[in-house]
Amino acid sequence: MSELHSLYSGLKSSNTNTLCEGCSILDKNKAFHSYLDYDNIEPCDILFLSDSLKYKVGEITSFSAPELNLIKESCSGDFTVAASVKCPSVKEADMTPDNMKICRVHL
């Protein structure tokens, strides 16, 4: 295990949302969990949901730049994007039925 990952090993993130209690993803070695991307969402005509948030150094996104460009080119109304899973870089194998049920509260 890398030194960076070992810093977080076995620790709960300090910014964990209480609505996420019981989710096994909280036990993963992550610097933070529960990035609530919907805090700033305003009413819109169309909401696009991605599977989960993607984390790049200094940036958290729901879609890649090419994906966003395609959405912008194809959509004529007001739209916004969000992620259905609020922890960044979650793999499909991590989303057990119980985890999905817990995460669904954010939708």
N, C-alpha and C. Protein backbone atom coordinates (compact mmCIF):
# COMPACT_ATOMS: atom_id res chain seq x y z
N MET A 1 0.87 -1.18 0.00
CA MET A 1 0.00 0.00 0.00
C MET A 1 0.91 1.23 0.00
N SER A 2 0.55 2.23 -0.80
CA SER A 2 1.36 3.44 -0.86
C SER A 2 1.26 4.22 0.45
N GLU A 3 2.27 5.06 0.70
CA GLU A 3 2.25 5.86 1.92
C GLU A 3 1.03 6.77 1.97
N LEU A 4 0.65 7.35 0.83
CA LEU A 4 -0.50 8.25 0.79
C LEU A 4 -1.77 7.51 1.19
N HIS A 5 -1.99 6.32 0.62
CA HIS A 5 -3.19 5.56 0.97
C HIS A 5 -3.18 5.14 2.43
N SER A 6 -1.99 4.84 2.96
CA SER A 6 -1.93 4.40 4.35
C SER A 6 -2.30 5.51 5.33
N LEU A 7 -2.21 6.77 4.90
CA LEU A 7 -2.61 7.88 5.76
C LEU A 7 -4.08 7.79 6.15
N TYR A 8 -4.90 7.28 5.23
CA TYR A 8 -6.34 7.24 5.45
C TYR A 8 -6.84 5.87 5.87
N SER A 9 -5.96 4.90 5.95
CA SER A 9 -6.36 3.53 6.21
C SER A 9 -7.13 3.41 7.53
N GLY A 10 -8.35 2.89 7.45
CA GLY A 10 -9.16 2.64 8.62
C GLY A 10 -9.80 3.87 9.24
N LEU A 11 -9.61 5.02 8.64
CA LEU A 11 -10.18 6.25 9.20
C LEU A 11 -11.48 6.61 8.49
N LYS A 12 -12.41 7.14 9.23
CA LYS A 12 -13.62 7.71 8.63
C LYS A 12 -13.31 9.14 8.23
N SER A 13 -13.85 9.59 7.14
CA SER A 13 -13.64 10.96 6.70
C SER A 13 -14.36 11.92 7.64
N SER A 14 -13.77 13.07 7.86
CA SER A 14 -14.36 14.03 8.80
C SER A 14 -15.60 14.71 8.22
N ASN A 15 -15.77 14.70 6.90
CA ASN A 15 -16.92 15.38 6.30
C ASN A 15 -18.01 14.40 5.87
N THR A 16 -18.07 13.24 6.48
CA THR A 16 -19.06 12.24 6.12
C THR A 16 -20.46 12.71 6.49
N ASN A 17 -21.37 12.59 5.56
CA ASN A 17 -22.75 12.96 5.78
C ASN A 17 -23.43 11.90 6.64
N THR A 18 -24.18 12.32 7.63
CA THR A 18 -24.85 11.37 8.52
C THR A 18 -25.85 10.49 7.78
N LEU A 19 -26.36 10.95 6.63
CA LEU A 19 -27.28 10.13 5.85
C LEU A 19 -26.59 8.93 5.22
N CYS A 20 -25.26 8.92 5.24
CA CYS A 20 -24.48 7.85 4.61
C CYS A 20 -24.08 6.75 5.59
N GLU A 21 -24.48 6.87 6.84
CA GLU A 21 -24.08 5.88 7.84
C GLU A 21 -24.51 4.48 7.42
N GLY A 22 -23.59 3.53 7.58
CA GLY A 22 -23.86 2.15 7.19
C GLY A 22 -23.34 1.78 5.83
N CYS A 23 -22.93 2.74 5.03
CA CYS A 23 -22.42 2.47 3.69
C CYS A 23 -20.99 1.95 3.80
N SER A 24 -20.71 0.82 3.15
CA SER A 24 -19.38 0.23 3.24
C SER A 24 -18.31 1.03 2.50
N ILE A 25 -18.72 1.94 1.64
CA ILE A 25 -17.74 2.77 0.94
C ILE A 25 -17.04 3.71 1.91
N LEU A 26 -17.68 4.02 3.03
CA LEU A 26 -17.04 4.86 4.04
C LEU A 26 -15.80 4.19 4.63
N ASP A 27 -15.70 2.87 4.49
CA ASP A 27 -14.53 2.15 4.99
C ASP A 27 -13.38 2.14 3.99
N LYS A 28 -13.61 2.63 2.79
CA LYS A 28 -12.56 2.68 1.76
C LYS A 28 -11.56 3.78 2.10
N ASN A 29 -10.35 3.64 1.60
CA ASN A 29 -9.29 4.63 1.83
C ASN A 29 -9.50 5.82 0.91
N LYS A 30 -10.31 6.77 1.36
CA LYS A 30 -10.59 7.97 0.58
C LYS A 30 -10.32 9.19 1.43
N ALA A 31 -9.86 10.24 0.78
CA ALA A 31 -9.59 11.48 1.51
C ALA A 31 -10.89 12.12 1.99
N PHE A 32 -11.97 11.94 1.23
CA PHE A 32 -13.26 12.48 1.62
C PHE A 32 -14.36 11.65 0.99
N HIS A 33 -15.55 11.77 1.54
CA HIS A 33 -16.74 11.08 1.03
C HIS A 33 -17.87 12.09 0.92
N SER A 34 -18.94 11.67 0.33
CA SER A 34 -20.20 12.42 0.30
C SER A 34 -20.04 13.85 -0.20
N TYR A 35 -19.47 13.99 -1.38
CA TYR A 35 -19.38 15.31 -2.01
C TYR A 35 -20.76 15.61 -2.58
N LEU A 36 -21.50 16.48 -1.91
CA LEU A 36 -22.89 16.73 -2.28
C LEU A 36 -22.97 17.77 -3.39
N ASP A 37 -22.90 17.28 -4.62
CA ASP A 37 -22.88 18.16 -5.78
C ASP A 37 -24.22 18.84 -6.02
N TYR A 38 -25.26 18.44 -5.31
CA TYR A 38 -26.57 19.05 -5.53
C TYR A 38 -26.81 20.28 -4.67
N ASP A 39 -25.86 20.63 -3.81
CA ASP A 39 -26.04 21.81 -2.95
C ASP A 39 -26.29 23.09 -3.74
N ASN A 40 -25.72 23.18 -4.93
CA ASN A 40 -25.83 24.41 -5.72
C ASN A 40 -26.70 24.26 -6.98
N ILE A 41 -27.44 23.18 -7.08
CA ILE A 41 -28.27 22.96 -8.28
C ILE A 41 -29.53 23.82 -8.20
N GLU A 42 -29.76 24.56 -9.27
CA GLU A 42 -30.97 25.39 -9.36
C GLU A 42 -31.98 24.67 -10.25
N PRO A 43 -33.25 25.06 -10.21
CA PRO A 43 -34.25 24.42 -11.08
C PRO A 43 -33.81 24.47 -12.55
N CYS A 44 -34.06 23.38 -13.26
CA CYS A 44 -33.68 23.30 -14.67
C CYS A 44 -34.68 22.42 -15.40
N ASP A 45 -34.60 22.46 -16.73
CA ASP A 45 -35.50 21.65 -17.56
C ASP A 45 -35.09 20.18 -17.57
N ILE A 46 -33.75 19.93 -17.61
CA ILE A 46 -33.24 18.57 -17.76
C ILE A 46 -32.11 18.34 -16.74
N LEU A 47 -32.14 17.19 -16.09
CA LEU A 47 -31.07 16.79 -15.17
C LEU A 47 -30.41 15.55 -15.74
N PHE A 48 -29.11 15.63 -15.98
CA PHE A 48 -28.33 14.47 -16.43
C PHE A 48 -27.62 13.89 -15.22
N LEU A 49 -27.76 12.57 -15.03
CA LEU A 49 -27.08 11.89 -13.93
C LEU A 49 -25.98 10.99 -14.47
N SER A 50 -24.80 11.11 -13.88
CA SER A 50 -23.73 10.17 -14.19
C SER A 50 -23.72 9.10 -13.10
N ASP A 51 -22.95 8.06 -13.31
CA ASP A 51 -22.87 6.99 -12.30
C ASP A 51 -22.30 7.50 -10.99
N SER A 52 -21.10 8.07 -11.05
CA SER A 52 -20.48 8.58 -9.84
C SER A 52 -19.56 9.74 -10.20
N LEU A 53 -19.12 10.42 -9.17
CA LEU A 53 -18.22 11.54 -9.37
C LEU A 53 -16.84 11.03 -9.75
N LYS A 54 -16.16 11.83 -10.56
CA LYS A 54 -14.79 11.50 -10.94
C LYS A 54 -13.89 12.53 -10.28
N TYR A 55 -12.79 12.08 -9.71
CA TYR A 55 -11.88 12.99 -9.02
C TYR A 55 -10.56 13.06 -9.76
N LYS A 56 -10.19 14.25 -10.17
CA LYS A 56 -8.86 14.52 -10.67
C LYS A 56 -8.27 15.54 -9.71
N VAL A 57 -6.97 15.61 -9.62
CA VAL A 57 -6.34 16.52 -8.66
C VAL A 57 -6.92 17.92 -8.82
N GLY A 58 -7.53 18.40 -7.73
CA GLY A 58 -8.08 19.75 -7.72
C GLY A 58 -9.43 19.92 -8.39
N GLU A 59 -10.03 18.83 -8.88
CA GLU A 59 -11.29 18.96 -9.61
C GLU A 59 -12.18 17.74 -9.38
N ILE A 60 -13.46 17.99 -9.19
CA ILE A 60 -14.44 16.92 -9.08
C ILE A 60 -15.48 17.16 -10.16
N THR A 61 -15.73 16.16 -10.99
CA THR A 61 -16.66 16.31 -12.09
C THR A 61 -17.61 15.12 -12.16
N SER A 62 -18.73 15.32 -12.84
CA SER A 62 -19.66 14.23 -13.10
C SER A 62 -19.42 13.64 -14.48
N PHE A 63 -19.04 14.47 -15.42
CA PHE A 63 -18.80 14.05 -16.80
C PHE A 63 -17.46 14.58 -17.28
N SER A 64 -16.88 13.93 -18.26
CA SER A 64 -15.63 14.41 -18.86
C SER A 64 -15.94 15.60 -19.77
N ALA A 65 -14.93 16.32 -20.17
CA ALA A 65 -15.11 17.48 -21.06
C ALA A 65 -15.78 17.09 -22.38
N PRO A 66 -15.37 15.99 -23.05
CA PRO A 66 -16.07 15.60 -24.28
C PRO A 66 -17.54 15.25 -24.05
N GLU A 67 -17.82 14.60 -22.92
CA GLU A 67 -19.22 14.26 -22.61
C GLU A 67 -20.04 15.53 -22.41
N LEU A 68 -19.49 16.50 -21.68
CA LEU A 68 -20.20 17.76 -21.46
C LEU A 68 -20.42 18.50 -22.77
N ASN A 69 -19.42 18.50 -23.65
CA ASN A 69 -19.58 19.16 -24.95
C ASN A 69 -20.70 18.52 -25.75
N LEU A 70 -20.79 17.20 -25.73
CA LEU A 70 -21.86 16.51 -26.45
C LEU A 70 -23.23 16.88 -25.87
N ILE A 71 -23.33 16.95 -24.55
CA ILE A 71 -24.59 17.34 -23.91
C ILE A 71 -24.96 18.76 -24.33
N LYS A 72 -24.00 19.68 -24.30
CA LYS A 72 -24.26 21.07 -24.67
C LYS A 72 -24.72 21.19 -26.12
N GLU A 73 -24.10 20.42 -27.02
CA GLU A 73 -24.46 20.46 -28.44
C GLU A 73 -25.85 19.86 -28.68
N SER A 74 -26.25 18.89 -27.88
CA SER A 74 -27.50 18.16 -28.11
C SER A 74 -28.70 18.74 -27.37
N CYS A 75 -28.47 19.56 -26.37
CA CYS A 75 -29.54 20.01 -25.50
C CYS A 75 -29.91 21.46 -25.79
N SER A 76 -31.19 21.71 -25.97
CA SER A 76 -31.63 23.07 -26.27
C SER A 76 -32.17 23.81 -25.04
N GLY A 77 -32.52 23.10 -23.96
CA GLY A 77 -33.07 23.73 -22.77
C GLY A 77 -32.03 23.90 -21.68
N ASP A 78 -32.50 24.43 -20.56
CA ASP A 78 -31.62 24.54 -19.39
C ASP A 78 -31.36 23.15 -18.85
N PHE A 79 -30.11 22.87 -18.51
CA PHE A 79 -29.79 21.57 -17.94
C PHE A 79 -28.71 21.73 -16.88
N THR A 80 -28.59 20.69 -16.08
CA THR A 80 -27.50 20.60 -15.13
C THR A 80 -27.09 19.14 -15.03
N VAL A 81 -25.93 18.91 -14.46
CA VAL A 81 -25.42 17.54 -14.32
C VAL A 81 -25.15 17.25 -12.86
N ALA A 82 -25.32 16.00 -12.48
CA ALA A 82 -25.06 15.57 -11.11
C ALA A 82 -24.68 14.09 -11.16
N ALA A 83 -24.21 13.60 -10.05
CA ALA A 83 -23.85 12.18 -9.95
C ALA A 83 -24.85 11.46 -9.04
N SER A 84 -25.16 10.23 -9.39
CA SER A 84 -26.09 9.47 -8.55
C SER A 84 -25.39 8.93 -7.30
N VAL A 85 -24.09 8.68 -7.38
CA VAL A 85 -23.30 8.25 -6.22
C VAL A 85 -22.43 9.42 -5.82
N LYS A 86 -22.48 9.82 -4.56
CA LYS A 86 -21.86 11.07 -4.12
C LYS A 86 -20.42 10.93 -3.62
N CYS A 87 -19.88 9.72 -3.57
CA CYS A 87 -18.47 9.55 -3.24
C CYS A 87 -17.68 9.45 -4.54
N PRO A 88 -16.56 10.14 -4.64
CA PRO A 88 -15.81 10.11 -5.90
C PRO A 88 -15.14 8.76 -6.15
N SER A 89 -15.04 8.43 -7.44
CA SER A 89 -14.30 7.26 -7.92
C SER A 89 -14.76 5.95 -7.29
N VAL A 90 -16.06 5.75 -7.24
CA VAL A 90 -16.62 4.50 -6.71
C VAL A 90 -16.75 3.51 -7.86
N LYS A 91 -16.29 2.30 -7.63
CA LYS A 91 -16.40 1.26 -8.65
C LYS A 91 -17.75 0.57 -8.53
N GLU A 92 -18.22 0.03 -9.63
CA GLU A 92 -19.52 -0.63 -9.64
C GLU A 92 -19.56 -1.78 -8.64
N ALA A 93 -18.46 -2.48 -8.47
CA ALA A 93 -18.41 -3.61 -7.53
C ALA A 93 -18.62 -3.16 -6.09
N ASP A 94 -18.30 -1.89 -5.79
CA ASP A 94 -18.47 -1.36 -4.44
C ASP A 94 -19.93 -1.05 -4.12
N MET A 95 -20.75 -0.89 -5.14
CA MET A 95 -22.14 -0.48 -4.93
C MET A 95 -23.04 -1.69 -4.73
N THR A 96 -22.99 -2.21 -3.52
CA THR A 96 -23.87 -3.32 -3.16
C THR A 96 -25.31 -2.80 -3.12
N PRO A 97 -26.29 -3.69 -3.13
CA PRO A 97 -27.67 -3.22 -3.02
C PRO A 97 -27.91 -2.36 -1.77
N ASP A 98 -27.29 -2.72 -0.65
CA ASP A 98 -27.46 -1.91 0.57
C ASP A 98 -26.83 -0.53 0.40
N ASN A 99 -25.65 -0.47 -0.23
CA ASN A 99 -25.02 0.83 -0.47
C ASN A 99 -25.87 1.69 -1.39
N MET A 100 -26.45 1.07 -2.42
CA MET A 100 -27.31 1.82 -3.35
C MET A 100 -28.52 2.39 -2.62
N LYS A 101 -29.09 1.59 -1.74
CA LYS A 101 -30.26 2.03 -0.99
C LYS A 101 -29.92 3.24 -0.12
N ILE A 102 -28.76 3.21 0.52
CA ILE A 102 -28.33 4.32 1.37
C ILE A 102 -28.06 5.56 0.51
N CYS A 103 -27.41 5.38 -0.63
CA CYS A 103 -27.04 6.51 -1.48
C CYS A 103 -28.26 7.14 -2.17
N ARG A 104 -29.31 6.36 -2.34
CA ARG A 104 -30.49 6.84 -3.05
C ARG A 104 -31.11 8.08 -2.39
N VAL A 105 -30.89 8.26 -1.08
CA VAL A 105 -31.45 9.42 -0.38
C VAL A 105 -30.95 10.73 -0.99
N HIS A 106 -29.80 10.72 -1.62
CA HIS A 106 -29.23 11.93 -2.22
C HIS A 106 -29.90 12.30 -3.55
N LEU A 107 -30.66 11.38 -4.12
CA LEU A 107 -31.34 11.68 -5.38
C LEU A 107 -32.65 12.39 -5.11
